[in-house]
Amino acid sequence: RAHPPGLGRRAAAAAHDGAMAVNALNLQLVIKEYIIKMLNEAGVGMKCLVVDDFTLNIVSSAFTQTELLQKEVFLVEKLHVDSNKKMQHLKAVCFVRPTEESVRVLCDLLRAGTYGEFFVFFSSVLAETHLQALAESDENEAVRQVQEMYASFLAVDPTVFTLDLPRNDHLLRYASLAPSTRSTVIDPIVEGIASFLLSVKRRPAIRAQSNSEIAKRVASDVARLAYEQEQGLFDFRRAEGASQLVILDRLDDPVTPLLSQWTYQAMIHELIGIKNNRVRIHEKGKAQDIVVSGSGDGFFKDNMYANYGDLGTSVKRLGDDFQAVSKMNKQIDSIEDMQRFVESFPEFRQQSGNVSKHVSLMSELSRLIGERALMAVSQVEQEIVCGADRAYAFSSTLEKLGDPTVTSTACLKLVLLFALRYEKEGERQILELQNALAKRAVEPSFVRLVRDVTRIAGEAKRVGDLFGNRTFFSRAQKAVSGLKGADNVYTQHQPLLVQTLENISKGKAKESDYPLVGPAANAGSAQKDQRPTEIFVFIVGGITYEEARFVAQMNESNPGTQIALGGTGILNSAGFLTDLMKATQ
C-alpha cells in the first residue's frame, strides 16, 4: 500500500538540512532544533510526545516542561500499548530509537488505534524491513509521516556528547567477549556515531587506535556504513580530508577517570553524580533534583571550569548580588515601584532559585571534601601521576593507607595509580601497598584489581605516552614543566587526550598508532599528513568532564581547529572502579 509523501529515508535525509555547521558547533542547539522540527511537523493541535527510555533523556536534556507546553505537548508518554486507552483527540509525535523492540511496540500501537494521528520519528537510520512492518500495521491509515531525525546521542555541552550506554564493563573487556555478544555491544555505538555525523553533516576521514580491537571494529563499521552501505545518505559534497573522526579506547588512559576533580562541573559529577545534566541532592531529608547546564544557567556556564578556590568567591558574589536586588525590591513606595517589581518578579524568582541551587551544591561539595579528606588525598594522587620521585610517592601513599579519615575507595585509587605509574620498577612496593590495603579490611576482589589493572591497561597495552616517560624528549619536557611548577598543585595532571589531539591537529600523529580506516587508508601520504580543521574524537569506554574542560580550552585557544568530544558514557571514579571490577572478574 502506498504511504503518504515524506514517508521514508529520502525525505528524512532532507530533514537534517537545518543542522548546524560545525564551525559554530553547538550540539545542544542541533538537538533542540530537531525536536522543534518534529513538533512543528505535527502542526497545530494537542499533542502527545511518545518516547522510549533513551529518547526521553534526549528530550529532557534539551527542553523544560514549560517549553513543551508552549509547543502544545500536553502529555509525554513512554512507548507502550494500553488497549483500554483511547486518545483520538491527540496527535502522537513518536520519537524513538529504530530498534526491533521499539518498532514492534509502535506496530502494536498503530493497530490499537490509540491516537488520532501518528507522526513517527526515528533517532537514527531505519532498516527497510522495519519501515515495511510499520506500513503493514497502519490499518487505520493514521500515519502522516515517518522520518529519520539524527539525534541518537545526548548533547551535554555544546561540543560534548554521550551515548549513555549501559554495561561499560563489556566495552573494557571486549576482547574476551563471545563473538555472538560483540555485535550487540558494537551496534549501538556505531548507530550513535553515525547519528552524530549525520546531524553535523560530515563524512570525515576515520582513524582508530591501533592496539584496540574494539576501537578498530567501531571505526571499520562506521566507515563501512558511511562510505559503502549508506553512501548517498552521507554524501554532503564537502572536502572530506578537513574532518577526522578518531576512535580511542578508554584503557589507553585509565588514570584520568581515577583522579579527584577540582573544577565545578567535574567536582559535581565526581562527588555527587550528574545524570543527563541533572543532580540529586538531599536536604533536610528530602531529595531534590537540580539542573546543571550551561544552556539555561549563566552562572554555571561562566563557572563550570572554575577551580574550587575561585568558585567559593564566585558563589559569594552571586549571593551578594541577589541580596542587593532583594533589598531593592523590598523598597516599594509608589505605584511605579510596584509595577517595576511585578515586571521583574519572574527574573527575580529565577535568580532566587539559581542562588539557592549553587549555594546548596557548594555546601554539599564542601561537606564531602572535608569528610573524606580529599585535599590531602588529591595531593598524593597528583604526586604519583605527575611527579618523578617514586620513594616519596610510595611513602605518601603508605601514609594515607594508615589514615582512618581516608576512605577505603580513596586508598584503592591511590594504589591503582601507583601500580599503573610504577608497574615495572616498583613491583616490591606495589606488593607492600596491596598488603596494606588488605590490612584495612578492603575486599579481596579490590586488592586483586591492583594486579589485574596492569594486565588490561598496563604499559604493554597502551599506545599513548601516558606518563611522559617513553622518550628522552618527553622526559626532558616533563622535567622542565616540573621545574616551572604548577599554578595549582591539585590540577597538575593533563589527560593523555590533550597530547593526542595536539599531535592529530598538527598532522604529527603516528600512522602506526592511529591508522586511517576505510577509503582514507588508501590515500596518498600528502592527504594522510593533512592537518584537519575539525576533529571528532570518540572514546569507547567513556569520557570525563576533565577531558571536556581541556577540549573547551583547546577550542577557545585555537579557533582554526574545532574539536567535538564524544563517548559511550561520562565517567567518575566510582563508576570507573565498578567497571574495572566487572571487566576483570
Protein backbone atom coordinates (compact mmCIF):
# COMPACT_ATOMS: atom_id res chain seq x y z
CA ARG A 1 0.00 0.00 0.00
CA ALA A 2 1.31 3.45 -0.88
CA HIS A 3 2.14 5.70 2.05
CA PRO A 4 1.90 9.47 2.40
CA PRO A 5 4.56 11.64 0.76
CA GLY A 6 7.53 12.12 3.07
CA LEU A 7 7.40 8.56 4.36
CA GLY A 8 10.87 7.06 4.26
CA ARG A 9 14.54 7.86 4.07
CA ARG A 10 14.98 10.32 1.23
CA ALA A 11 12.64 12.82 2.87
CA ALA A 12 14.40 12.03 6.11
CA ALA A 13 17.77 12.88 4.59
CA ALA A 14 16.43 16.35 3.89
CA ALA A 15 15.10 16.61 7.42
CA HIS A 16 18.50 17.46 8.82
CA ASP A 17 19.33 20.17 6.27
CA GLY A 18 18.91 22.73 9.02
CA ALA A 19 21.56 21.10 11.22
CA MET A 20 24.24 23.48 12.36
CA ALA A 21 27.60 23.69 10.67
CA VAL A 22 30.45 22.55 12.90
CA ASN A 23 32.23 25.90 12.51
CA ALA A 24 29.72 27.21 15.05
CA LEU A 25 29.34 23.89 16.82
CA ASN A 26 26.52 23.70 19.33
CA LEU A 27 25.24 20.15 19.65
CA GLN A 28 22.62 21.17 22.22
CA LEU A 29 21.13 23.56 19.69
CA VAL A 30 21.21 20.88 16.97
CA ILE A 31 19.17 18.52 19.19
CA LYS A 32 16.76 21.29 20.18
CA GLU A 33 16.17 22.24 16.54
CA TYR A 34 15.44 18.60 15.67
CA ILE A 35 12.80 18.30 18.38
CA ILE A 36 11.22 21.64 17.42
CA LYS A 37 11.06 20.40 13.81
CA MET A 38 9.31 17.18 14.89
CA LEU A 39 6.68 19.07 16.87
CA ASN A 40 6.18 21.62 14.09
CA GLU A 41 5.67 18.81 11.54
CA ALA A 42 2.60 17.72 13.54
CA GLY A 43 1.06 21.17 13.01
CA VAL A 44 -1.44 22.94 15.26
CA GLY A 45 -3.33 20.90 17.84
CA MET A 46 -2.94 18.95 21.08
CA LYS A 47 -0.02 16.56 21.02
CA CYS A 48 1.29 13.59 22.98
CA LEU A 49 5.04 13.05 22.80
CA VAL A 50 5.74 9.29 22.79
CA VAL A 51 9.32 8.36 23.74
CA ASP A 52 11.44 5.41 24.85
CA ASP A 53 13.87 5.44 27.78
CA PHE A 54 16.75 6.78 25.71
CA THR A 55 14.91 9.47 23.73
CA LEU A 56 13.21 10.65 26.94
CA ASN A 57 16.68 11.56 28.20
CA ILE A 58 17.43 13.40 24.93
CA VAL A 59 14.21 15.43 25.17
CA SER A 60 14.53 16.19 28.90
CA SER A 61 18.11 17.43 28.49
CA ALA A 62 17.01 19.84 25.71
CA PHE A 63 13.54 21.01 26.85
CA THR A 64 11.75 22.03 30.02
CA GLN A 65 8.12 21.05 30.62
CA THR A 66 7.10 24.68 30.12
CA GLU A 67 8.79 24.78 26.71
CA LEU A 68 7.00 21.58 25.68
CA LEU A 69 3.65 23.04 26.77
CA GLN A 70 4.33 26.07 24.60
CA LYS A 71 4.59 23.64 21.67
CA GLU A 72 1.14 22.17 22.58
CA VAL A 73 2.60 19.00 24.09
CA PHE A 74 0.10 18.19 26.85
CA LEU A 75 1.27 14.65 27.55
CA VAL A 76 4.61 12.79 27.50
CA GLU A 77 4.17 9.01 27.39
CA LYS A 78 6.64 6.13 27.48
CA LEU A 79 6.27 3.86 24.44
CA HIS A 80 3.78 1.15 25.45
CA VAL A 81 0.37 -0.22 24.46
CA ASP A 82 -2.73 0.10 26.66
CA SER A 83 -5.73 -1.34 24.81
CA ASN A 84 -8.13 0.44 27.20
CA LYS A 85 -6.69 3.86 26.46
CA LYS A 86 -8.15 5.80 23.51
CA MET A 87 -6.94 9.34 22.90
CA GLN A 88 -8.14 10.08 19.39
CA HIS A 89 -8.15 13.82 20.10
CA LEU A 90 -4.33 13.78 20.44
CA LYS A 91 -1.69 13.70 17.74
CA ALA A 92 1.06 11.25 18.64
CA VAL A 93 4.56 12.55 17.94
CA CYS A 94 6.63 9.40 18.37
CA PHE A 95 10.39 9.85 18.84
CA VAL A 96 12.11 6.50 19.39
CA ARG A 97 15.25 4.55 18.56
CA PRO A 98 15.00 2.26 15.49
CA THR A 99 15.30 -0.99 17.49
CA GLU A 100 13.38 -4.24 16.96
CA GLU A 101 11.53 -3.72 20.24
CA SER A 102 10.55 -0.09 19.54
CA VAL A 103 9.25 -0.93 16.06
CA ARG A 104 7.27 -3.91 17.41
CA VAL A 105 5.55 -1.77 20.09
CA LEU A 106 4.88 1.00 17.54
CA CYS A 107 3.19 -1.55 15.24
CA ASP A 108 1.00 -2.67 18.16
CA LEU A 109 0.20 0.97 18.95
CA LEU A 110 -0.87 1.59 15.34
CA ARG A 111 -3.13 -1.48 15.31
CA ALA A 112 -4.68 -0.42 18.65
CA GLY A 113 -5.60 3.00 17.20
CA THR A 114 -4.74 4.77 20.46
CA TYR A 115 -4.16 8.18 18.85
CA GLY A 116 -5.88 10.06 16.05
CA GLU A 117 -2.74 10.71 14.01
CA PHE A 118 0.83 9.47 14.13
CA PHE A 119 3.99 11.40 13.26
CA VAL A 120 6.85 8.92 13.66
CA PHE A 121 10.48 9.98 14.01
CA PHE A 122 13.40 7.62 14.49
CA SER A 123 16.64 8.79 16.13
CA SER A 124 18.88 7.05 13.59
CA VAL A 125 18.90 5.08 10.33
CA LEU A 126 15.81 2.86 9.98
CA ALA A 127 16.01 -0.55 8.32
CA GLU A 128 13.76 -1.01 5.27
CA THR A 129 12.24 -4.12 6.90
CA HIS A 130 11.14 -2.01 9.88
CA LEU A 131 9.59 0.56 7.55
CA GLN A 132 7.66 -2.22 5.82
CA ALA A 133 6.44 -3.58 9.17
CA LEU A 134 5.08 -0.12 10.09
CA ALA A 135 3.33 0.17 6.71
CA GLU A 136 1.61 -3.20 7.18
CA SER A 137 0.48 -2.30 10.72
CA ASP A 138 -1.07 1.05 9.72
CA GLU A 139 -4.53 -0.46 9.21
CA ASN A 140 -6.32 2.78 10.17
CA GLU A 141 -4.12 4.90 7.86
CA ALA A 142 -3.27 7.14 10.79
CA VAL A 143 0.43 7.58 9.97
CA ARG A 144 1.08 11.00 8.50
CA GLN A 145 4.88 10.90 8.42
CA VAL A 146 7.83 8.64 9.11
CA GLN A 147 11.24 10.33 9.19
CA GLU A 148 14.75 9.79 10.46
CA MET A 149 15.91 12.55 12.79
CA TYR A 150 19.56 12.01 13.57
CA ALA A 151 19.56 12.55 17.30
CA SER A 152 20.71 9.27 18.82
CA PHE A 153 23.04 10.97 21.30
CA LEU A 154 22.82 13.17 24.38
CA ALA A 155 24.34 16.64 23.97
CA VAL A 156 25.56 17.52 27.47
CA ASP A 157 27.50 20.62 26.38
CA PRO A 158 27.82 22.45 23.03
CA THR A 159 30.85 20.34 21.99
CA VAL A 160 30.38 17.24 24.20
CA PHE A 161 28.04 14.29 23.67
CA THR A 162 27.46 10.87 25.16
CA LEU A 163 25.60 7.75 24.04
CA ASP A 164 24.81 6.92 27.68
CA LEU A 165 25.18 3.18 27.04
CA PRO A 166 24.80 0.57 29.79
CA ARG A 167 27.32 -2.15 30.65
CA ASN A 168 30.52 -0.15 30.20
CA ASP A 169 32.43 -3.14 31.56
CA HIS A 170 31.62 -5.04 28.33
CA LEU A 171 33.49 -2.38 26.39
CA LEU A 172 36.55 -2.68 28.65
CA ARG A 173 36.72 -6.47 28.17
CA TYR A 174 35.61 -6.61 24.54
CA ALA A 175 38.47 -8.92 23.52
CA SER A 176 37.20 -11.63 25.90
CA LEU A 177 33.53 -11.42 24.80
CA ALA A 178 31.95 -14.21 22.77
CA PRO A 179 31.69 -13.34 19.03
CA SER A 180 27.87 -13.53 19.29
CA THR A 181 27.87 -10.85 22.01
CA ARG A 182 30.23 -8.48 20.24
CA SER A 183 27.70 -7.18 17.70
CA THR A 184 25.19 -6.29 20.42
CA VAL A 185 27.93 -4.22 22.08
CA ILE A 186 29.19 -2.56 18.87
CA ASP A 187 25.92 -1.77 17.03
CA PRO A 188 24.60 0.93 19.44
CA ILE A 189 27.99 2.69 19.31
CA VAL A 190 28.03 2.70 15.51
CA GLU A 191 24.42 3.91 15.45
CA GLY A 192 25.22 6.77 17.84
CA ILE A 193 28.36 7.90 15.98
CA ALA A 194 26.55 7.71 12.62
CA SER A 195 23.71 9.79 14.06
CA PHE A 196 26.19 12.40 15.30
CA LEU A 197 27.93 12.61 11.88
CA LEU A 198 24.61 12.95 10.06
CA SER A 199 23.44 15.65 12.48
CA VAL A 200 26.54 17.79 11.79
CA LYS A 201 26.53 16.77 8.09
CA ARG A 202 30.05 15.37 7.89
CA ARG A 203 31.69 12.29 6.40
CA PRO A 204 35.18 12.50 7.90
CA ALA A 205 38.33 10.53 7.39
CA ILE A 206 38.33 7.87 10.14
CA ARG A 207 41.22 6.81 12.39
CA ALA A 208 41.38 4.19 15.15
CA GLN A 209 43.76 3.38 18.00
CA SER A 210 45.93 0.63 16.53
CA ASN A 211 46.18 -1.69 19.54
CA SER A 212 42.48 -1.68 20.46
CA GLU A 213 40.24 -4.35 18.95
CA ILE A 214 37.06 -2.51 19.88
CA ALA A 215 38.27 0.87 18.56
CA LYS A 216 39.25 -0.72 15.22
CA ARG A 217 35.94 -2.59 14.95
CA VAL A 218 33.87 0.54 15.65
CA ALA A 219 35.94 2.56 13.15
CA SER A 220 35.65 -0.03 10.38
CA ASP A 221 31.88 -0.43 10.92
CA VAL A 222 31.32 3.35 10.83
CA ALA A 223 33.49 3.59 7.68
CA ARG A 224 31.53 0.77 6.01
CA LEU A 225 28.23 2.48 6.84
CA ALA A 226 29.30 5.97 5.71
CA TYR A 227 31.29 5.03 2.60
CA GLU A 228 29.52 1.87 1.35
CA GLN A 229 26.14 0.89 2.82
CA GLU A 230 24.65 4.40 3.13
CA GLN A 231 26.93 6.30 0.75
CA GLY A 232 24.11 8.53 -0.56
CA LEU A 233 22.95 9.48 2.92
CA PHE A 234 26.45 10.65 3.92
CA ASP A 235 27.18 12.47 0.65
CA PHE A 236 27.46 16.09 1.80
CA ARG A 237 29.80 17.22 -1.02
CA ARG A 238 32.41 18.61 1.33
CA ALA A 239 36.19 18.35 1.47
CA GLU A 240 36.38 15.13 3.45
CA GLY A 241 40.05 15.39 4.48
CA ALA A 242 39.30 18.51 6.53
CA SER A 243 37.40 16.46 9.14
CA GLN A 244 38.73 13.48 11.09
CA LEU A 245 36.89 11.06 13.35
CA VAL A 246 39.28 9.46 15.85
CA ILE A 247 38.15 6.37 17.80
CA LEU A 248 40.09 5.80 21.04
CA ASP A 249 39.97 3.22 23.83
CA ARG A 250 39.45 4.33 27.45
CA LEU A 251 42.05 1.84 28.64
CA ASP A 252 44.79 3.83 26.89
CA ASP A 253 44.32 6.36 29.71
CA PRO A 254 42.91 4.65 32.81
CA VAL A 255 44.42 7.40 35.01
CA THR A 256 42.17 10.39 34.24
CA PRO A 257 38.90 8.76 35.47
CA LEU A 258 40.58 7.72 38.75
CA LEU A 259 41.68 11.20 39.84
CA SER A 260 39.92 13.60 42.22
CA GLN A 261 38.48 16.65 40.46
CA TRP A 262 38.70 20.33 41.41
CA THR A 263 36.67 22.23 38.82
CA TYR A 264 32.93 22.82 39.30
CA GLN A 265 31.28 20.53 36.73
CA ALA A 266 33.83 17.73 37.23
CA MET A 267 33.61 18.00 41.04
CA ILE A 268 29.82 17.71 41.00
CA HIS A 269 30.00 14.55 38.89
CA GLU A 270 32.84 13.07 40.94
CA LEU A 271 31.30 13.66 44.38
CA ILE A 272 27.53 13.66 43.75
CA GLY A 273 26.95 12.44 40.20
CA ILE A 274 25.42 14.10 37.12
CA LYS A 275 22.88 12.21 35.01
CA ASN A 276 21.52 13.93 31.88
CA ASN A 277 22.58 17.33 33.26
CA ARG A 278 20.68 16.66 36.48
CA VAL A 279 21.98 16.24 40.02
CA ARG A 280 20.14 14.76 43.00
CA ILE A 281 20.99 16.12 46.44
CA HIS A 282 19.32 15.54 49.81
CA GLU A 283 18.44 18.48 52.03
CA LYS A 284 16.56 18.17 55.32
CA GLY A 285 15.67 14.58 54.49
CA LYS A 286 14.18 15.47 51.09
CA ALA A 287 15.61 14.53 47.69
CA GLN A 288 15.92 17.43 45.28
CA ASP A 289 16.73 17.27 41.56
CA ILE A 290 18.84 20.16 40.30
CA VAL A 291 19.55 21.01 36.65
CA VAL A 292 23.21 21.85 35.92
CA SER A 293 23.56 23.01 32.35
CA GLY A 294 25.24 25.99 30.75
CA SER A 295 22.35 26.39 28.29
CA GLY A 296 19.92 27.79 30.85
CA ASP A 297 22.13 28.90 33.72
CA GLY A 298 24.52 31.82 33.15
CA PHE A 299 26.38 31.30 36.42
CA PHE A 300 27.07 27.62 35.66
CA LYS A 301 28.12 28.45 32.10
CA ASP A 302 30.64 31.02 33.37
CA ASN A 303 31.97 28.86 36.23
CA MET A 304 31.71 25.23 35.09
CA TYR A 305 35.50 25.09 34.59
CA ALA A 306 36.38 27.30 37.58
CA ASN A 307 38.54 25.69 40.28
CA TYR A 308 37.34 25.11 43.83
CA GLY A 309 39.07 28.18 45.29
CA ASP A 310 37.70 30.66 42.72
CA LEU A 311 34.30 29.02 42.90
CA GLY A 312 33.74 29.94 46.55
CA THR A 313 34.37 33.61 45.71
CA SER A 314 32.02 33.46 42.70
CA VAL A 315 29.17 31.89 44.71
CA LYS A 316 29.58 34.52 47.43
CA ARG A 317 29.42 37.28 44.79
CA LEU A 318 26.29 35.66 43.32
CA GLY A 319 24.67 35.72 46.78
CA ASP A 320 25.71 39.34 47.42
CA ASP A 321 24.28 40.46 44.05
CA PHE A 322 20.99 38.77 44.84
CA GLN A 323 20.83 40.36 48.29
CA ALA A 324 21.25 43.80 46.71
CA VAL A 325 18.40 43.10 44.25
CA SER A 326 16.25 41.67 47.06
CA LYS A 327 16.69 44.81 49.18
CA MET A 328 15.83 46.99 46.20
CA ASN A 329 12.62 45.03 45.58
CA LYS A 330 11.55 45.48 49.22
CA GLN A 331 11.51 49.26 48.77
CA ILE A 332 8.03 49.70 47.27
CA ASP A 333 6.92 53.26 47.97
CA SER A 334 4.84 54.02 44.88
CA ILE A 335 2.72 52.53 42.11
CA GLU A 336 5.75 52.81 39.79
CA ASP A 337 7.86 50.77 42.27
CA MET A 338 5.13 48.14 42.44
CA GLN A 339 4.91 47.95 38.64
CA ARG A 340 8.69 47.58 38.39
CA PHE A 341 8.64 44.75 40.96
CA VAL A 342 5.80 42.89 39.18
CA GLU A 343 7.60 43.16 35.83
CA SER A 344 10.88 41.90 37.28
CA PHE A 345 9.33 39.21 39.52
CA PRO A 346 9.83 36.19 37.15
CA GLU A 347 13.50 37.13 36.73
CA PHE A 348 13.79 37.76 40.50
CA ARG A 349 12.30 34.35 41.28
CA GLN A 350 14.63 32.66 38.78
CA GLN A 351 17.63 34.43 40.32
CA SER A 352 16.49 33.34 43.77
CA GLY A 353 16.31 29.70 42.62
CA ASN A 354 19.73 29.98 40.99
CA VAL A 355 21.38 31.33 44.14
CA SER A 356 19.73 28.64 46.26
CA LYS A 357 20.86 25.92 43.81
CA HIS A 358 24.53 26.89 43.69
CA VAL A 359 24.78 27.58 47.43
CA SER A 360 23.29 24.10 48.08
CA LEU A 361 25.72 22.47 45.65
CA MET A 362 28.76 24.26 47.08
CA SER A 363 27.68 23.41 50.62
CA GLU A 364 27.35 19.72 49.72
CA LEU A 365 30.69 19.66 47.86
CA SER A 366 32.50 21.33 50.78
CA ARG A 367 30.98 18.86 53.25
CA LEU A 368 32.09 15.84 51.21
CA ILE A 369 35.59 17.23 50.62
CA GLY A 370 36.06 17.78 54.36
CA GLU A 371 34.58 14.44 55.43
CA ARG A 372 36.76 12.44 53.02
CA ALA A 373 40.00 14.44 53.49
CA LEU A 374 40.07 14.81 49.72
CA MET A 375 42.55 17.68 49.51
CA ALA A 376 45.27 15.63 51.19
CA VAL A 377 44.39 12.56 49.08
CA SER A 378 44.39 14.56 45.84
CA GLN A 379 47.85 15.93 46.56
CA VAL A 380 49.21 12.38 46.75
CA GLU A 381 47.34 11.39 43.55
CA GLN A 382 48.99 14.27 41.67
CA GLU A 383 52.40 13.39 43.12
CA ILE A 384 52.05 9.81 41.85
CA VAL A 385 50.96 10.64 38.29
CA CYS A 386 52.92 13.89 37.73
CA GLY A 387 55.95 13.58 40.00
CA ALA A 388 59.16 11.66 39.42
CA ASP A 389 60.08 10.71 43.00
CA ARG A 390 58.93 7.10 43.41
CA ALA A 391 60.14 6.79 47.01
CA TYR A 392 58.21 9.91 48.06
CA ALA A 393 55.08 8.78 46.19
CA PHE A 394 55.30 5.38 47.89
CA SER A 395 55.74 6.75 51.43
CA SER A 396 52.92 9.28 50.89
CA THR A 397 50.59 6.52 49.64
CA LEU A 398 51.51 4.25 52.56
CA GLU A 399 50.82 7.11 54.97
CA LYS A 400 47.34 7.64 53.55
CA LEU A 401 46.60 3.89 53.77
CA GLY A 402 47.23 4.17 57.51
CA ASP A 403 44.97 7.21 57.94
CA PRO A 404 41.48 6.24 59.21
CA THR A 405 39.94 9.50 57.86
CA VAL A 406 40.79 8.39 54.28
CA THR A 407 38.14 6.12 52.75
CA SER A 408 39.00 2.63 51.51
CA THR A 409 37.94 3.64 47.99
CA ALA A 410 40.39 6.57 48.03
CA CYS A 411 43.13 4.19 49.25
CA LEU A 412 42.36 1.74 46.43
CA LYS A 413 42.58 4.53 43.84
CA LEU A 414 45.98 5.62 45.19
CA VAL A 415 47.35 2.08 44.97
CA LEU A 416 45.93 1.61 41.45
CA LEU A 417 47.54 4.86 40.31
CA PHE A 418 50.87 3.82 41.85
CA ALA A 419 50.65 0.39 40.17
CA LEU A 420 49.96 1.97 36.76
CA ARG A 421 52.76 4.53 37.19
CA TYR A 422 55.48 2.21 38.53
CA GLU A 423 54.38 -1.25 37.36
CA LYS A 424 57.88 -2.36 36.31
CA GLU A 425 60.35 -0.67 38.64
CA GLY A 426 58.10 -0.66 41.73
CA GLU A 427 56.93 -4.30 41.93
CA ARG A 428 58.07 -4.80 45.53
CA GLN A 429 56.43 -1.55 46.65
CA ILE A 430 53.18 -2.42 44.83
CA LEU A 431 53.09 -5.74 46.73
CA GLU A 432 53.63 -3.89 50.00
CA LEU A 433 50.78 -1.49 49.19
CA GLN A 434 48.50 -4.46 48.36
CA ASN A 435 49.27 -5.93 51.78
CA ALA A 436 48.49 -2.56 53.42
CA LEU A 437 45.15 -2.49 51.56
CA ALA A 438 44.33 -5.99 52.80
CA LYS A 439 45.05 -4.90 56.39
CA ARG A 440 42.42 -2.17 56.00
CA ALA A 441 39.86 -4.98 55.50
CA VAL A 442 39.35 -3.97 51.87
CA GLU A 443 37.52 -6.69 49.89
CA PRO A 444 39.93 -9.25 48.38
CA SER A 445 38.47 -8.58 44.91
CA PHE A 446 39.55 -4.93 45.20
CA VAL A 447 43.05 -5.97 46.26
CA ARG A 448 43.23 -8.30 43.21
CA LEU A 449 42.23 -5.38 40.98
CA VAL A 450 45.66 -3.82 41.63
CA ARG A 451 47.25 -6.75 39.79
CA ASP A 452 44.51 -7.01 37.16
CA VAL A 453 44.53 -3.34 36.15
CA THR A 454 48.07 -3.63 34.75
CA ARG A 455 47.01 -6.77 32.87
CA ILE A 456 44.29 -4.93 30.92
CA ALA A 457 45.68 -1.35 30.92
CA GLY A 458 49.38 -1.64 31.70
CA GLU A 459 52.35 -0.21 29.78
CA ALA A 460 52.39 -3.04 27.22
CA LYS A 461 48.70 -2.49 26.39
CA ARG A 462 48.89 1.28 25.79
CA VAL A 463 49.73 3.30 22.68
CA GLY A 464 49.95 6.77 24.26
CA ASP A 465 52.83 8.06 26.40
CA LEU A 466 50.60 8.24 29.49
CA PHE A 467 53.24 9.39 31.98
CA GLY A 468 55.55 11.26 29.58
CA ASN A 469 58.45 8.87 30.16
CA ARG A 470 58.84 6.83 26.96
CA THR A 471 61.25 9.08 25.06
CA PHE A 472 64.17 11.31 26.04
CA PHE A 473 62.29 14.34 24.65
CA SER A 474 59.11 13.69 26.64
CA ARG A 475 61.12 13.06 29.84
CA ALA A 476 63.01 16.33 29.34
CA GLN A 477 59.79 18.21 28.62
CA LYS A 478 58.25 16.81 31.81
CA ALA A 479 61.31 17.79 33.87
CA VAL A 480 61.16 21.36 32.55
CA SER A 481 57.44 21.69 33.32
CA GLY A 482 58.13 20.27 36.78
CA LEU A 483 60.77 22.94 37.43
CA LYS A 484 58.35 25.68 36.38
CA GLY A 485 55.84 24.44 38.94
CA ALA A 486 52.06 24.30 38.59
CA ASP A 487 49.57 27.07 39.24
CA ASN A 488 47.59 24.64 41.36
CA VAL A 489 49.08 21.56 43.00
CA TYR A 490 45.71 19.77 42.72
CA THR A 491 45.31 20.25 38.96
CA GLN A 492 48.79 19.48 37.57
CA HIS A 493 47.57 16.46 35.64
CA GLN A 494 46.77 16.78 31.96
CA PRO A 495 44.79 13.98 30.28
CA LEU A 496 46.55 11.93 27.59
CA LEU A 497 43.80 13.10 25.20
CA VAL A 498 45.36 16.60 25.08
CA GLN A 499 48.66 15.26 23.73
CA THR A 500 46.81 13.01 21.24
CA LEU A 501 44.66 15.88 19.94
CA GLU A 502 47.66 18.21 19.62
CA ASN A 503 49.51 15.61 17.53
CA ILE A 504 46.49 15.00 15.29
CA SER A 505 45.76 18.71 14.82
CA LYS A 506 49.40 19.30 13.76
CA GLY A 507 49.44 16.28 11.43
CA LYS A 508 52.04 14.61 13.66
CA ALA A 509 50.07 11.58 14.92
CA LYS A 510 51.89 8.36 14.01
CA GLU A 511 50.14 6.37 11.31
CA SER A 512 51.24 3.20 13.13
CA ASP A 513 49.47 4.34 16.34
CA TYR A 514 46.32 5.84 14.80
CA PRO A 515 45.95 4.36 11.30
CA LEU A 516 43.31 5.58 8.85
CA VAL A 517 40.42 3.21 8.19
CA GLY A 518 38.26 2.83 5.07
CA PRO A 519 38.89 4.71 1.80
CA ALA A 520 41.21 7.23 3.52
CA ALA A 521 43.63 4.36 4.30
CA ASN A 522 44.44 4.13 0.58
CA ALA A 523 45.04 7.89 0.18
CA GLY A 524 48.44 9.34 -0.69
CA SER A 525 50.89 10.43 2.00
CA ALA A 526 50.10 14.13 1.43
CA GLN A 527 46.43 13.56 2.29
CA LYS A 528 47.33 11.40 5.28
CA ASP A 529 49.53 14.17 6.73
CA GLN A 530 46.88 16.82 6.14
CA ARG A 531 46.05 18.96 9.17
CA PRO A 532 42.34 18.62 9.97
CA THR A 533 40.22 21.69 10.69
CA GLU A 534 37.69 19.55 12.57
CA ILE A 535 38.40 16.65 14.92
CA PHE A 536 35.64 14.45 16.29
CA VAL A 537 37.16 12.27 18.99
CA PHE A 538 35.16 9.39 20.43
CA ILE A 539 36.33 7.33 23.43
CA VAL A 540 34.94 3.81 23.72
CA GLY A 541 34.61 3.13 27.45
CA GLY A 542 33.63 6.67 28.40
CA ILE A 543 34.88 10.25 28.71
CA THR A 544 35.42 12.53 31.71
CA TYR A 545 34.46 16.12 32.45
CA GLU A 546 38.17 16.86 32.92
CA GLU A 547 38.74 15.92 29.26
CA ALA A 548 35.70 18.00 28.27
CA ARG A 549 37.26 21.02 30.01
CA PHE A 550 40.53 20.66 28.11
CA VAL A 551 38.65 20.28 24.80
CA ALA A 552 36.74 23.52 25.55
CA GLN A 553 40.05 25.28 26.30
CA MET A 554 41.62 23.98 23.07
CA ASN A 555 38.61 25.17 21.05
CA GLU A 556 38.91 28.61 22.62
CA SER A 557 42.67 28.96 22.19
CA ASN A 558 42.76 27.56 18.64
CA PRO A 559 39.62 28.59 16.72
CA GLY A 560 41.17 27.28 13.47
CA THR A 561 40.58 23.69 14.65
CA GLN A 562 37.20 22.74 16.09
CA ILE A 563 37.02 19.67 18.35
CA ALA A 564 33.95 17.72 19.47
CA LEU A 565 34.28 15.07 22.19
CA GLY A 566 32.01 12.05 22.49
CA GLY A 567 31.95 8.80 24.43
CA THR A 568 29.87 5.81 25.38
CA GLY A 569 29.24 7.43 28.78
CA ILE A 570 30.58 10.05 31.20
CA LEU A 571 32.72 8.59 33.95
CA ASN A 572 33.53 9.42 37.54
CA SER A 573 35.97 7.40 39.64
CA ALA A 574 33.29 5.35 41.45
CA GLY A 575 31.69 4.25 38.18
CA PHE A 576 35.03 3.50 36.55
CA LEU A 577 36.17 1.39 39.52
CA THR A 578 32.97 -0.65 39.26
CA ASP A 579 33.54 -1.09 35.51
CA LEU A 580 37.14 -2.22 36.08
CA MET A 581 35.99 -4.69 38.75
CA LYS A 582 33.39 -6.28 36.45
CA ALA A 583 35.75 -6.27 33.47
CA THR A 584 38.47 -8.18 35.32
CA GLN A 585 36.30 -10.76 37.12
